Amino acid sequence: MEFFPVMTADDSANMQKARWIETSYDYGRIKQGNKVTHNFSISNDGKRNLYIRKTKSSCGCLKTSATTDTIAPGATGYITIEFDSYNKEGKDSRKMNVFLNDPASPEIILEMKGEIEK
């Protein structure tokens, strides 16, 4: 995790600020072996560049990609997560950790969930 020094009110007002429209996606019911892809939108409401430092999955069944690793002030990017339900069954929830340079939320957890039928 990134270290953030104590900030003044001025520093705080001029920092990068991540805003997520959603952090969880319910894909409903799918057949075992199907793949589901979802785009998670991330906006930078701050005044400095927002950096996506890295992503870490709870499972090899999740693959991730980002439209960019740098989101300018006022801009929006997307983190795409693909879930592969191969050899999975029943109710399922998988998580992806996203590490950012936002001092207010340096780590966000994105979730893909649903039910897998044989």
PDB file of N, CA and C in Angstrom:
ATOM      1  N   MET A   1       0.840  -1.171   0.000  1.00  0.00           N
ATOM      2  CA  MET A   1       0.000   0.000   0.000  1.00  0.00           C
ATOM      3  C   MET A   1       0.888   1.238   0.000  1.00  0.00           C
ATOM      4  N   GLU A   2       0.431   2.254  -0.638  1.00  0.00           N
ATOM      5  CA  GLU A   2       1.178   3.497  -0.776  1.00  0.00           C
ATOM      6  C   GLU A   2       1.113   4.329   0.502  1.00  0.00           C
ATOM      7  N   PHE A   3       2.207   5.025   0.832  1.00  0.00           N
ATOM      8  CA  PHE A   3       2.244   5.904   1.997  1.00  0.00           C
ATOM      9  C   PHE A   3       1.816   7.307   1.578  1.00  0.00           C
ATOM     10  N   PHE A   4       0.918   7.901   2.342  1.00  0.00           N
ATOM     11  CA  PHE A   4       0.469   9.272   2.094  1.00  0.00           C
ATOM     12  C   PHE A   4       0.777  10.109   3.324  1.00  0.00           C
ATOM     13  N   PRO A   5       1.592  11.169   3.176  1.00  0.00           N
ATOM     14  CA  PRO A   5       1.907  12.010   4.337  1.00  0.00           C
ATOM     15  C   PRO A   5       0.663  12.787   4.786  1.00  0.00           C
ATOM     16  N   VAL A   6       0.736  13.300   6.014  1.00  0.00           N
ATOM     17  CA  VAL A   6      -0.353  14.125   6.525  1.00  0.00           C
ATOM     18  C   VAL A   6      -0.498  15.338   5.617  1.00  0.00           C
ATOM     19  N   MET A   7      -1.751  15.662   5.255  1.00  0.00           N
ATOM     20  CA  MET A   7      -1.990  16.748   4.305  1.00  0.00           C
ATOM     21  C   MET A   7      -2.626  17.959   4.973  1.00  0.00           C
ATOM     22  N   THR A   8      -2.311  19.111   4.414  1.00  0.00           N
ATOM     23  CA  THR A   8      -2.974  20.340   4.844  1.00  0.00           C
ATOM     24  C   THR A   8      -4.329  20.402   4.146  1.00  0.00           C
ATOM     25  N   ALA A   9      -5.156  21.360   4.537  1.00  0.00           N
ATOM     26  CA  ALA A   9      -6.459  21.541   3.883  1.00  0.00           C
ATOM     27  C   ALA A   9      -6.259  21.866   2.409  1.00  0.00           C
ATOM     28  N   ASP A  10      -5.234  22.662   2.094  1.00  0.00           N
ATOM     29  CA  ASP A  10      -4.923  23.009   0.698  1.00  0.00           C
ATOM     30  C   ASP A  10      -4.545  21.757  -0.103  1.00  0.00           C
ATOM     31  N   ASP A  11      -3.670  20.935   0.480  1.00  0.00           N
ATOM     32  CA  ASP A  11      -3.266  19.690  -0.182  1.00  0.00           C
ATOM     33  C   ASP A  11      -4.497  18.848  -0.483  1.00  0.00           C
ATOM     34  N   SER A  12      -5.332  18.705   0.521  1.00  0.00           N
ATOM     35  CA  SER A  12      -6.532  17.884   0.399  1.00  0.00           C
ATOM     36  C   SER A  12      -7.460  18.383  -0.705  1.00  0.00           C
ATOM     37  N   ALA A  13      -7.598  19.672  -0.837  1.00  0.00           N
ATOM     38  CA  ALA A  13      -8.479  20.265  -1.855  1.00  0.00           C
ATOM     39  C   ALA A  13      -7.937  20.081  -3.268  1.00  0.00           C
ATOM     40  N   ASN A  14      -6.631  19.837  -3.388  1.00  0.00           N
ATOM     41  CA  ASN A  14      -6.005  19.741  -4.709  1.00  0.00           C
ATOM     42  C   ASN A  14      -5.589  18.327  -5.097  1.00  0.00           C
ATOM     43  N   MET A  15      -6.020  17.333  -4.341  1.00  0.00           N
ATOM     44  CA  MET A  15      -5.622  15.953  -4.601  1.00  0.00           C
ATOM     45  C   MET A  15      -6.495  15.291  -5.670  1.00  0.00           C
ATOM     46  N   GLN A  16      -6.041  14.130  -6.108  1.00  0.00           N
ATOM     47  CA  GLN A  16      -6.817  13.270  -6.994  1.00  0.00           C
ATOM     48  C   GLN A  16      -7.902  12.597  -6.153  1.00  0.00           C
ATOM     49  N   LYS A  17      -9.088  12.400  -6.749  1.00  0.00           N
ATOM     50  CA  LYS A  17     -10.209  11.804  -6.009  1.00  0.00           C
ATOM     51  C   LYS A  17     -10.962  10.830  -6.913  1.00  0.00           C
ATOM     52  N   ALA A  18     -10.903   9.560  -6.555  1.00  0.00           N
ATOM     53  CA  ALA A  18     -11.587   8.520  -7.331  1.00  0.00           C
ATOM     54  C   ALA A  18     -13.072   8.494  -6.999  1.00  0.00           C
ATOM     55  N   ARG A  19     -13.890   8.318  -8.044  1.00  0.00           N
ATOM     56  CA  ARG A  19     -15.339   8.143  -7.855  1.00  0.00           C
ATOM     57  C   ARG A  19     -15.773   6.968  -8.712  1.00  0.00           C
ATOM     58  N   TRP A  20     -16.400   5.981  -8.064  1.00  0.00           N
ATOM     59  CA  TRP A  20     -16.890   4.783  -8.733  1.00  0.00           C
ATOM     60  C   TRP A  20     -18.396   4.873  -8.854  1.00  0.00           C
ATOM     61  N   ILE A  21     -18.958   4.520  -9.995  1.00  0.00           N
ATOM     62  CA  ILE A  21     -20.408   4.471 -10.157  1.00  0.00           C
ATOM     63  C   ILE A  21     -20.938   3.249  -9.414  1.00  0.00           C
ATOM     64  N   GLU A  22     -20.184   2.150  -9.468  1.00  0.00           N
ATOM     65  CA  GLU A  22     -20.549   0.917  -8.768  1.00  0.00           C
ATOM     66  C   GLU A  22     -19.275   0.160  -8.438  1.00  0.00           C
ATOM     67  N   THR A  23     -19.332  -0.646  -7.391  1.00  0.00           N
ATOM     68  CA  THR A  23     -18.190  -1.491  -7.036  1.00  0.00           C
ATOM     69  C   THR A  23     -18.581  -2.966  -7.009  1.00  0.00           C
ATOM     70  N   SER A  24     -19.842  -3.256  -7.309  1.00  0.00           N
ATOM     71  CA  SER A  24     -20.316  -4.632  -7.340  1.00  0.00           C
ATOM     72  C   SER A  24     -21.214  -4.818  -8.556  1.00  0.00           C
ATOM     73  N   TYR A  25     -21.038  -5.938  -9.239  1.00  0.00           N
ATOM     74  CA  TYR A  25     -21.854  -6.251 -10.408  1.00  0.00           C
ATOM     75  C   TYR A  25     -22.438  -7.644 -10.250  1.00  0.00           C
ATOM     76  N   ASP A  26     -23.764  -7.740 -10.349  1.00  0.00           N
ATOM     77  CA  ASP A  26     -24.465  -9.024 -10.269  1.00  0.00           C
ATOM     78  C   ASP A  26     -24.790  -9.464 -11.692  1.00  0.00           C
ATOM     79  N   TYR A  27     -24.150 -10.535 -12.148  1.00  0.00           N
ATOM     80  CA  TYR A  27     -24.368 -11.015 -13.521  1.00  0.00           C
ATOM     81  C   TYR A  27     -25.570 -11.957 -13.635  1.00  0.00           C
ATOM     82  N   GLY A  28     -26.262 -12.212 -12.528  1.00  0.00           N
ATOM     83  CA  GLY A  28     -27.457 -13.049 -12.568  1.00  0.00           C
ATOM     84  C   GLY A  28     -27.101 -14.523 -12.618  1.00  0.00           C
ATOM     85  N   ARG A  29     -27.841 -15.279 -13.450  1.00  0.00           N
ATOM     86  CA  ARG A  29     -27.603 -16.724 -13.587  1.00  0.00           C
ATOM     87  C   ARG A  29     -26.924 -16.994 -14.928  1.00  0.00           C
ATOM     88  N   ILE A  30     -25.884 -17.808 -14.869  1.00  0.00           N
ATOM     89  CA  ILE A  30     -25.180 -18.197 -16.092  1.00  0.00           C
ATOM     90  C   ILE A  30     -24.933 -19.701 -16.062  1.00  0.00           C
ATOM     91  N   LYS A  31     -24.633 -20.255 -17.218  1.00  0.00           N
ATOM     92  CA  LYS A  31     -24.287 -21.676 -17.333  1.00  0.00           C
ATOM     93  C   LYS A  31     -22.796 -21.845 -17.014  1.00  0.00           C
ATOM     94  N   GLN A  32     -22.484 -22.942 -16.335  1.00  0.00           N
ATOM     95  CA  GLN A  32     -21.104 -23.266 -16.003  1.00  0.00           C
ATOM     96  C   GLN A  32     -20.253 -23.250 -17.269  1.00  0.00           C
ATOM     97  N   GLY A  33     -19.098 -22.616 -17.202  1.00  0.00           N
ATOM     98  CA  GLY A  33     -18.201 -22.523 -18.352  1.00  0.00           C
ATOM     99  C   GLY A  33     -18.325 -21.225 -19.116  1.00  0.00           C
ATOM    100  N   ASN A  34     -19.412 -20.477 -18.887  1.00  0.00           N
ATOM    101  CA  ASN A  34     -19.572 -19.178 -19.563  1.00  0.00           C
ATOM    102  C   ASN A  34     -18.648 -18.143 -18.941  1.00  0.00           C
ATOM    103  N   LYS A  35     -18.348 -17.121 -19.742  1.00  0.00           N
ATOM    104  CA  LYS A  35     -17.547 -15.998 -19.269  1.00  0.00           C
ATOM    105  C   LYS A  35     -18.436 -14.759 -19.247  1.00  0.00           C
ATOM    106  N   VAL A  36     -18.223 -13.932 -18.234  1.00  0.00           N
ATOM    107  CA  VAL A  36     -18.981 -12.694 -18.079  1.00  0.00           C
ATOM    108  C   VAL A  36     -17.983 -11.551 -17.982  1.00  0.00           C
ATOM    109  N   THR A  37     -18.241 -10.476 -18.725  1.00  0.00           N
ATOM    110  CA  THR A  37     -17.376  -9.304 -18.703  1.00  0.00           C
ATOM    111  C   THR A  37     -18.178  -8.091 -18.261  1.00  0.00           C
ATOM    112  N   HIS A  38     -17.549  -7.250 -17.429  1.00  0.00           N
ATOM    113  CA  HIS A  38     -18.209  -6.024 -16.990  1.00  0.00           C
ATOM    114  C   HIS A  38     -17.183  -4.896 -16.896  1.00  0.00           C
ATOM    115  N   ASN A  39     -17.613  -3.691 -17.295  1.00  0.00           N
ATOM    116  CA  ASN A  39     -16.779  -2.496 -17.200  1.00  0.00           C
ATOM    117  C   ASN A  39     -17.169  -1.696 -15.963  1.00  0.00           C
ATOM    118  N   PHE A  40     -16.213  -1.486 -15.066  1.00  0.00           N
ATOM    119  CA  PHE A  40     -16.412  -0.640 -13.895  1.00  0.00           C
ATOM    120  C   PHE A  40     -15.848   0.740 -14.227  1.00  0.00           C
ATOM    121  N   SER A  41     -16.685   1.746 -14.087  1.00  0.00           N
ATOM    122  CA  SER A  41     -16.320   3.118 -14.417  1.00  0.00           C
ATOM    123  C   SER A  41     -15.659   3.797 -13.221  1.00  0.00           C
ATOM    124  N   ILE A  42     -14.514   4.476 -13.470  1.00  0.00           N
ATOM    125  CA  ILE A  42     -13.823   5.228 -12.426  1.00  0.00           C
ATOM    126  C   ILE A  42     -13.538   6.632 -12.953  1.00  0.00           C
ATOM    127  N   SER A  43     -14.001   7.630 -12.211  1.00  0.00           N
ATOM    128  CA  SER A  43     -13.797   9.025 -12.601  1.00  0.00           C
ATOM    129  C   SER A  43     -12.851   9.691 -11.615  1.00  0.00           C
ATOM    130  N   ASN A  44     -12.140  10.690 -12.106  1.00  0.00           N
ATOM    131  CA  ASN A  44     -11.252  11.470 -11.250  1.00  0.00           C
ATOM    132  C   ASN A  44     -11.895  12.829 -10.999  1.00  0.00           C
ATOM    133  N   ASP A  45     -12.430  13.027  -9.801  1.00  0.00           N
ATOM    134  CA  ASP A  45     -13.061  14.289  -9.424  1.00  0.00           C
ATOM    135  C   ASP A  45     -12.067  15.258  -8.794  1.00  0.00           C
ATOM    136  N   GLY A  46     -10.787  14.910  -8.802  1.00  0.00           N
ATOM    137  CA  GLY A  46      -9.764  15.743  -8.182  1.00  0.00           C
ATOM    138  C   GLY A  46      -9.076  16.670  -9.166  1.00  0.00           C
ATOM    139  N   LYS A  47      -7.967  17.238  -8.713  1.00  0.00           N
ATOM    140  CA  LYS A  47      -7.235  18.229  -9.504  1.00  0.00           C
ATOM    141  C   LYS A  47      -5.861  17.747  -9.945  1.00  0.00           C
ATOM    142  N   ARG A  48      -5.526  16.506  -9.612  1.00  0.00           N
ATOM    143  CA  ARG A  48      -4.265  15.903 -10.055  1.00  0.00           C
ATOM    144  C   ARG A  48      -4.566  14.564 -10.701  1.00  0.00           C
ATOM    145  N   ASN A  49      -3.601  14.032 -11.439  1.00  0.00           N
ATOM    146  CA  ASN A  49      -3.783  12.732 -12.091  1.00  0.00           C
ATOM    147  C   ASN A  49      -4.029  11.621 -11.079  1.00  0.00           C
ATOM    148  N   LEU A  50      -4.986  10.765 -11.399  1.00  0.00           N
ATOM    149  CA  LEU A  50      -5.290   9.581 -10.601  1.00  0.00           C
ATOM    150  C   LEU A  50      -4.606   8.396 -11.285  1.00  0.00           C
ATOM    151  N   TYR A  51      -3.840   7.624 -10.526  1.00  0.00           N
ATOM    152  CA  TYR A  51      -3.117   6.482 -11.091  1.00  0.00           C
ATOM    153  C   TYR A  51      -3.686   5.167 -10.563  1.00  0.00           C
ATOM    154  N   ILE A  52      -3.906   4.243 -11.473  1.00  0.00           N
ATOM    155  CA  ILE A  52      -4.253   2.873 -11.093  1.00  0.00           C
ATOM    156  C   ILE A  52      -2.912   2.166 -10.954  1.00  0.00           C
ATOM    157  N   ARG A  53      -2.528   1.896  -9.717  1.00  0.00           N
ATOM    158  CA  ARG A  53      -1.203   1.321  -9.447  1.00  0.00           C
ATOM    159  C   ARG A  53      -1.127  -0.149  -9.840  1.00  0.00           C
ATOM    160  N   LYS A  54      -2.130  -0.935  -9.409  1.00  0.00           N
ATOM    161  CA  LYS A  54      -2.155  -2.357  -9.766  1.00  0.00           C
ATOM    162  C   LYS A  54      -3.511  -2.926  -9.386  1.00  0.00           C
ATOM    163  N   THR A  55      -3.761  -4.141  -9.862  1.00  0.00           N
ATOM    164  CA  THR A  55      -4.966  -4.882  -9.488  1.00  0.00           C
ATOM    165  C   THR A  55      -4.523  -6.246  -8.982  1.00  0.00           C
ATOM    166  N   LYS A  56      -5.317  -6.796  -8.064  1.00  0.00           N
ATOM    167  CA  LYS A  56      -5.004  -8.115  -7.495  1.00  0.00           C
ATOM    168  C   LYS A  56      -6.306  -8.884  -7.353  1.00  0.00           C
ATOM    169  N   SER A  57      -6.321 -10.077  -7.893  1.00  0.00           N
ATOM    170  CA  SER A  57      -7.526 -10.903  -7.920  1.00  0.00           C
ATOM    171  C   SER A  57      -7.534 -11.930  -6.796  1.00  0.00           C
ATOM    172  N   SER A  58      -8.753 -12.291  -6.377  1.00  0.00           N
ATOM    173  CA  SER A  58      -8.912 -13.355  -5.382  1.00  0.00           C
ATOM    174  C   SER A  58      -8.878 -14.732  -6.038  1.00  0.00           C
ATOM    175  N   CYS A  59      -8.802 -14.762  -7.370  1.00  0.00           N
ATOM    176  CA  CYS A  59      -8.931 -16.038  -8.083  1.00  0.00           C
ATOM    177  C   CYS A  59      -8.346 -15.905  -9.487  1.00  0.00           C
ATOM    178  N   GLY A  60      -7.773 -16.990  -9.990  1.00  0.00           N
ATOM    179  CA  GLY A  60      -7.278 -16.990 -11.364  1.00  0.00           C
ATOM    180  C   GLY A  60      -8.401 -16.923 -12.386  1.00  0.00           C
ATOM    181  N   CYS A  61      -9.644 -17.020 -11.908  1.00  0.00           N
ATOM    182  CA  CYS A  61     -10.809 -16.981 -12.797  1.00  0.00           C
ATOM    183  C   CYS A  61     -11.187 -15.545 -13.185  1.00  0.00           C
ATOM    184  N   LEU A  62     -10.491 -14.554 -12.609  1.00  0.00           N
ATOM    185  CA  LEU A  62     -10.743 -13.152 -12.957  1.00  0.00           C
ATOM    186  C   LEU A  62      -9.569 -12.607 -13.747  1.00  0.00           C
ATOM    187  N   LYS A  63      -9.891 -11.940 -14.839  1.00  0.00           N
ATOM    188  CA  LYS A  63      -8.867 -11.243 -15.632  1.00  0.00           C
ATOM    189  C   LYS A  63      -9.276  -9.785 -15.691  1.00  0.00           C
ATOM    190  N   THR A  64      -8.301  -8.911 -15.652  1.00  0.00           N
ATOM    191  CA  THR A  64      -8.612  -7.483 -15.640  1.00  0.00           C
ATOM    192  C   THR A  64      -7.783  -6.732 -16.656  1.00  0.00           C
ATOM    193  N   SER A  65      -8.363  -5.636 -17.131  1.00  0.00           N
ATOM    194  CA  SER A  65      -7.633  -4.705 -17.987  1.00  0.00           C
ATOM    195  C   SER A  65      -8.212  -3.323 -17.728  1.00  0.00           C
ATOM    196  N   ALA A  66      -7.428  -2.313 -17.998  1.00  0.00           N
ATOM    197  CA  ALA A  66      -7.877  -0.931 -17.795  1.00  0.00           C
ATOM    198  C   ALA A  66      -7.679  -0.159 -19.096  1.00  0.00           C
ATOM    199  N   THR A  67      -8.568   0.808 -19.341  1.00  0.00           N
ATOM    200  CA  THR A  67      -8.436   1.626 -20.549  1.00  0.00           C
ATOM    201  C   THR A  67      -7.174   2.470 -20.468  1.00  0.00           C
ATOM    202  N   THR A  68      -6.762   2.804 -19.249  1.00  0.00           N
ATOM    203  CA  THR A  68      -5.548   3.579 -19.017  1.00  0.00           C
ATOM    204  C   THR A  68      -5.134   3.387 -17.573  1.00  0.00           C
ATOM    205  N   ASP A  69      -3.869   3.640 -17.260  1.00  0.00           N
ATOM    206  CA  ASP A  69      -3.467   3.588 -15.856  1.00  0.00           C
ATOM    207  C   ASP A  69      -3.363   4.986 -15.267  1.00  0.00           C
ATOM    208  N   THR A  70      -3.607   6.011 -16.103  1.00  0.00           N
ATOM    209  CA  THR A  70      -3.605   7.400 -15.648  1.00  0.00           C
ATOM    210  C   THR A  70      -4.919   8.058 -16.059  1.00  0.00           C
ATOM    211  N   ILE A  71      -5.642   8.579 -15.075  1.00  0.00           N
ATOM    212  CA  ILE A  71      -6.906   9.261 -15.356  1.00  0.00           C
ATOM    213  C   ILE A  71      -6.739  10.732 -14.988  1.00  0.00           C
ATOM    214  N   ALA A  72      -6.833  11.582 -15.988  1.00  0.00           N
ATOM    215  CA  ALA A  72      -6.648  13.025 -15.798  1.00  0.00           C
ATOM    216  C   ALA A  72      -7.805  13.614 -14.981  1.00  0.00           C
ATOM    217  N   PRO A  73      -7.593  14.784 -14.369  1.00  0.00           N
ATOM    218  CA  PRO A  73      -8.678  15.445 -13.640  1.00  0.00           C
ATOM    219  C   PRO A  73      -9.895  15.650 -14.549  1.00  0.00           C
ATOM    220  N   GLY A  74     -11.072  15.265 -14.059  1.00  0.00           N
ATOM    221  CA  GLY A  74     -12.307  15.424 -14.825  1.00  0.00           C
ATOM    222  C   GLY A  74     -12.579  14.304 -15.821  1.00  0.00           C
ATOM    223  N   ALA A  75     -11.637  13.386 -15.973  1.00  0.00           N
ATOM    224  CA  ALA A  75     -11.793  12.306 -16.957  1.00  0.00           C
ATOM    225  C   ALA A  75     -12.310  11.027 -16.294  1.00  0.00           C
ATOM    226  N   THR A  76     -12.714  10.084 -17.154  1.00  0.00           N
ATOM    227  CA  THR A  76     -13.223   8.794 -16.706  1.00  0.00           C
ATOM    228  C   THR A  76     -12.486   7.681 -17.434  1.00  0.00           C
ATOM    229  N   GLY A  77     -12.188   6.615 -16.722  1.00  0.00           N
ATOM    230  CA  GLY A  77     -11.590   5.422 -17.311  1.00  0.00           C
ATOM    231  C   GLY A  77     -12.419   4.214 -16.914  1.00  0.00           C
ATOM    232  N   TYR A  78     -12.044   3.062 -17.423  1.00  0.00           N
ATOM    233  CA  TYR A  78     -12.789   1.840 -17.134  1.00  0.00           C
ATOM    234  C   TYR A  78     -11.839   0.713 -16.785  1.00  0.00           C
ATOM    235  N   ILE A  79     -12.234  -0.056 -15.791  1.00  0.00           N
ATOM    236  CA  ILE A  79     -11.540  -1.295 -15.470  1.00  0.00           C
ATOM    237  C   ILE A  79     -12.480  -2.411 -15.886  1.00  0.00           C
ATOM    238  N   THR A  80     -12.019  -3.239 -16.804  1.00  0.00           N
ATOM    239  CA  THR A  80     -12.821  -4.348 -17.307  1.00  0.00           C
ATOM    240  C   THR A  80     -12.405  -5.616 -16.584  1.00  0.00           C
ATOM    241  N   ILE A  81     -13.404  -6.314 -16.053  1.00  0.00           N
ATOM    242  CA  ILE A  81     -13.145  -7.594 -15.388  1.00  0.00           C
ATOM    243  C   ILE A  81     -13.902  -8.678 -16.139  1.00  0.00           C
ATOM    244  N   GLU A  82     -13.181  -9.753 -16.445  1.00  0.00           N
ATOM    245  CA  GLU A  82     -13.791 -10.922 -17.063  1.00  0.00           C
ATOM    246  C   GLU A  82     -13.742 -12.073 -16.061  1.00  0.00           C
ATOM    247  N   PHE A  83     -14.910 -12.660 -15.805  1.00  0.00           N
ATOM    248  CA  PHE A  83     -15.026 -13.803 -14.907  1.00  0.00           C
ATOM    249  C   PHE A  83     -15.269 -15.051 -15.744  1.00  0.00           C
ATOM    250  N   ASP A  84     -14.464 -16.087 -15.513  1.00  0.00           N
ATOM    251  CA  ASP A  84     -14.603 -17.363 -16.194  1.00  0.00           C
ATOM    252  C   ASP A  84     -15.185 -18.369 -15.198  1.00  0.00           C
ATOM    253  N   SER A  85     -16.391 -18.863 -15.479  1.00  0.00           N
ATOM    254  CA  SER A  85     -17.086 -19.750 -14.547  1.00  0.00           C
ATOM    255  C   SER A  85     -16.724 -21.226 -14.721  1.00  0.00           C
ATOM    256  N   TYR A  86     -15.674 -21.517 -15.474  1.00  0.00           N
ATOM    257  CA  TYR A  86     -15.251 -22.899 -15.674  1.00  0.00           C
ATOM    258  C   TYR A  86     -15.056 -23.591 -14.317  1.00  0.00           C
ATOM    259  N   ASN A  87     -15.685 -24.745 -14.159  1.00  0.00           N
ATOM    260  CA  ASN A  87     -15.546 -25.575 -12.964  1.00  0.00           C
ATOM    261  C   ASN A  87     -16.090 -24.918 -11.686  1.00  0.00           C
ATOM    262  N   LYS A  88     -17.000 -23.969 -11.821  1.00  0.00           N
ATOM    263  CA  LYS A  88     -17.648 -23.307 -10.680  1.00  0.00           C
ATOM    264  C   LYS A  88     -19.119 -23.697 -10.694  1.00  0.00           C
ATOM    265  N   GLU A  89     -19.743 -23.674  -9.512  1.00  0.00           N
ATOM    266  CA  GLU A  89     -21.159 -24.020  -9.423  1.00  0.00           C
ATOM    267  C   GLU A  89     -21.780 -23.367  -8.199  1.00  0.00           C
ATOM    268  N   GLY A  90     -23.058 -22.979  -8.330  1.00  0.00           N
ATOM    269  CA  GLY A  90     -23.797 -22.395  -7.214  1.00  0.00           C
ATOM    270  C   GLY A  90     -23.598 -20.890  -7.117  1.00  0.00           C
ATOM    271  N   LYS A  91     -23.986 -20.338  -5.959  1.00  0.00           N
ATOM    272  CA  LYS A  91     -23.803 -18.899  -5.744  1.00  0.00           C
ATOM    273  C   LYS A  91     -22.317 -18.621  -5.699  1.00  0.00           C
ATOM    274  N   ASP A  92     -21.912 -17.533  -6.334  1.00  0.00           N
ATOM    275  CA  ASP A  92     -20.487 -17.243  -6.445  1.00  0.00           C
ATOM    276  C   ASP A  92     -20.233 -15.757  -6.302  1.00  0.00           C
ATOM    277  N   SER A  93     -19.146 -15.405  -5.638  1.00  0.00           N
ATOM    278  CA  SER A  93     -18.722 -14.011  -5.489  1.00  0.00           C
ATOM    279  C   SER A  93     -17.203 -13.976  -5.575  1.00  0.00           C
ATOM    280  N   ARG A  94     -16.690 -13.183  -6.499  1.00  0.00           N
ATOM    281  CA  ARG A  94     -15.236 -13.052  -6.688  1.00  0.00           C
ATOM    282  C   ARG A  94     -14.863 -11.589  -6.596  1.00  0.00           C
ATOM    283  N   LYS A  95     -13.687 -11.317  -6.014  1.00  0.00           N
ATOM    284  CA  LYS A  95     -13.294  -9.931  -5.774  1.00  0.00           C
ATOM    285  C   LYS A  95     -11.955  -9.590  -6.408  1.00  0.00           C
ATOM    286  N   MET A  96     -11.854  -8.327  -6.802  1.00  0.00           N
ATOM    287  CA  MET A  96     -10.640  -7.775  -7.392  1.00  0.00           C
ATOM    288  C   MET A  96     -10.271  -6.527  -6.593  1.00  0.00           C
ATOM    289  N   ASN A  97      -9.046  -6.483  -6.082  1.00  0.00           N
ATOM    290  CA  ASN A  97      -8.567  -5.300  -5.375  1.00  0.00           C
ATOM    291  C   ASN A  97      -7.913  -4.369  -6.392  1.00  0.00           C
ATOM    292  N   VAL A  98      -8.243  -3.083  -6.295  1.00  0.00           N
ATOM    293  CA  VAL A  98      -7.663  -2.073  -7.173  1.00  0.00           C
ATOM    294  C   VAL A  98      -6.938  -1.072  -6.282  1.00  0.00           C
ATOM    295  N   PHE A  99      -5.652  -0.861  -6.560  1.00  0.00           N
ATOM    296  CA  PHE A  99      -4.828   0.042  -5.766  1.00  0.00           C
ATOM    297  C   PHE A  99      -4.616   1.344  -6.529  1.00  0.00           C
ATOM    298  N   LEU A 100      -4.910   2.457  -5.853  1.00  0.00           N
ATOM    299  CA  LEU A 100      -4.877   3.786  -6.467  1.00  0.00           C
ATOM    300  C   LEU A 100      -3.960   4.726  -5.684  1.00  0.00           C
ATOM    301  N   ASN A 101      -3.661   5.873  -6.265  1.00  0.00           N
ATOM    302  CA  ASN A 101      -2.892   6.890  -5.550  1.00  0.00           C
ATOM    303  C   ASN A 101      -3.812   7.927  -4.900  1.00  0.00           C
ATOM    304  N   ASP A 102      -5.047   7.555  -4.619  1.00  0.00           N
ATOM    305  CA  ASP A 102      -6.007   8.439  -3.947  1.00  0.00           C
ATOM    306  C   ASP A 102      -5.852   8.248  -2.436  1.00  0.00           C
ATOM    307  N   PRO A 103      -5.406   9.286  -1.714  1.00  0.00           N
ATOM    308  CA  PRO A 103      -5.197   9.135  -0.273  1.00  0.00           C
ATOM    309  C   PRO A 103      -6.481   8.794   0.493  1.00  0.00           C
ATOM    310  N   ALA A 104      -7.636   9.216   0.003  1.00  0.00           N
ATOM    311  CA  ALA A 104      -8.909   8.940   0.680  1.00  0.00           C
ATOM    312  C   ALA A 104      -9.370   7.505   0.458  1.00  0.00           C
ATOM    313  N   SER A 105      -9.011   6.903  -0.665  1.00  0.00           N
ATOM    314  CA  SER A 105      -9.379   5.504  -0.937  1.00  0.00           C
ATOM    315  C   SER A 105      -8.280   4.840  -1.768  1.00  0.00           C
ATOM    316  N   PRO A 106      -7.176   4.462  -1.107  1.00  0.00           N
ATOM    317  CA  PRO A 106      -6.044   3.872  -1.835  1.00  0.00           C
ATOM    318  C   PRO A 106      -6.290   2.459  -2.339  1.00  0.00           C
ATOM    319  N   GLU A 107      -7.324   1.796  -1.779  1.00  0.00           N
ATOM    320  CA  GLU A 107      -7.653   0.442  -2.223  1.00  0.00           C
ATOM    321  C   GLU A 107      -9.168   0.291  -2.279  1.00  0.00           C
ATOM    322  N   ILE A 108      -9.657  -0.168  -3.430  1.00  0.00           N
ATOM    323  CA  ILE A 108     -11.086  -0.403  -3.630  1.00  0.00           C
ATOM    324  C   ILE A 108     -11.254  -1.875  -4.004  1.00  0.00           C
ATOM    325  N   ILE A 109     -12.340  -2.479  -3.543  1.00  0.00           N
ATOM    326  CA  ILE A 109     -12.628  -3.867  -3.899  1.00  0.00           C
ATOM    327  C   ILE A 109     -13.812  -3.892  -4.859  1.00  0.00           C
ATOM    328  N   LEU A 110     -13.589  -4.476  -6.035  1.00  0.00           N
ATOM    329  CA  LEU A 110     -14.643  -4.659  -7.027  1.00  0.00           C
ATOM    330  C   LEU A 110     -15.106  -6.108  -6.964  1.00  0.00           C
ATOM    331  N   GLU A 111     -16.405  -6.316  -7.111  1.00  0.00           N
ATOM    332  CA  GLU A 111     -16.968  -7.654  -6.965  1.00  0.00           C
ATOM    333  C   GLU A 111     -17.784  -8.049  -8.194  1.00  0.00           C
ATOM    334  N   MET A 112     -17.621  -9.298  -8.604  1.00  0.00           N
ATOM    335  CA  MET A 112     -18.457  -9.932  -9.625  1.00  0.00           C
ATOM    336  C   MET A 112     -19.172 -11.068  -8.921  1.00  0.00           C
ATOM    337  N   LYS A 113     -20.530 -11.075  -8.996  1.00  0.00           N
ATOM    338  CA  LYS A 113     -21.272 -12.123  -8.287  1.00  0.00           C
ATOM    339  C   LYS A 113     -22.462 -12.583  -9.091  1.00  0.00           C
ATOM    340  N   GLY A 114     -22.943 -13.762  -8.756  1.00  0.00           N
ATOM    341  CA  GLY A 114     -24.100 -14.325  -9.415  1.00  0.00           C
ATOM    342  C   GLY A 114     -24.263 -15.782  -9.070  1.00  0.00           C
ATOM    343  N   GLU A 115     -24.990 -16.503  -9.929  1.00  0.00           N
ATOM    344  CA  GLU A 115     -25.226 -17.916  -9.694  1.00  0.00           C
ATOM    345  C   GLU A 115     -24.878 -18.697 -10.956  1.00  0.00           C
ATOM    346  N   ILE A 116     -24.185 -19.812 -10.743  1.00  0.00           N
ATOM    347  CA  ILE A 116     -23.708 -20.628 -11.856  1.00  0.00           C
ATOM    348  C   ILE A 116     -24.451 -21.972 -11.828  1.00  0.00           C
ATOM    349  N   GLU A 117     -25.048 -22.309 -12.978  1.00  0.00           N
ATOM    350  CA  GLU A 117     -25.790 -23.567 -13.116  1.00  0.00           C
ATOM    351  C   GLU A 117     -24.988 -24.551 -13.945  1.00  0.00           C
ATOM    352  N   LYS A 118     -25.088 -25.829 -13.579  1.00  0.00           N
ATOM    353  CA  LYS A 118     -24.412 -26.881 -14.369  1.00  0.00           C
ATOM    354  C   LYS A 118     -25.069 -27.054 -15.704  1.00  0.00           C
TER     355      LYS A 118
END
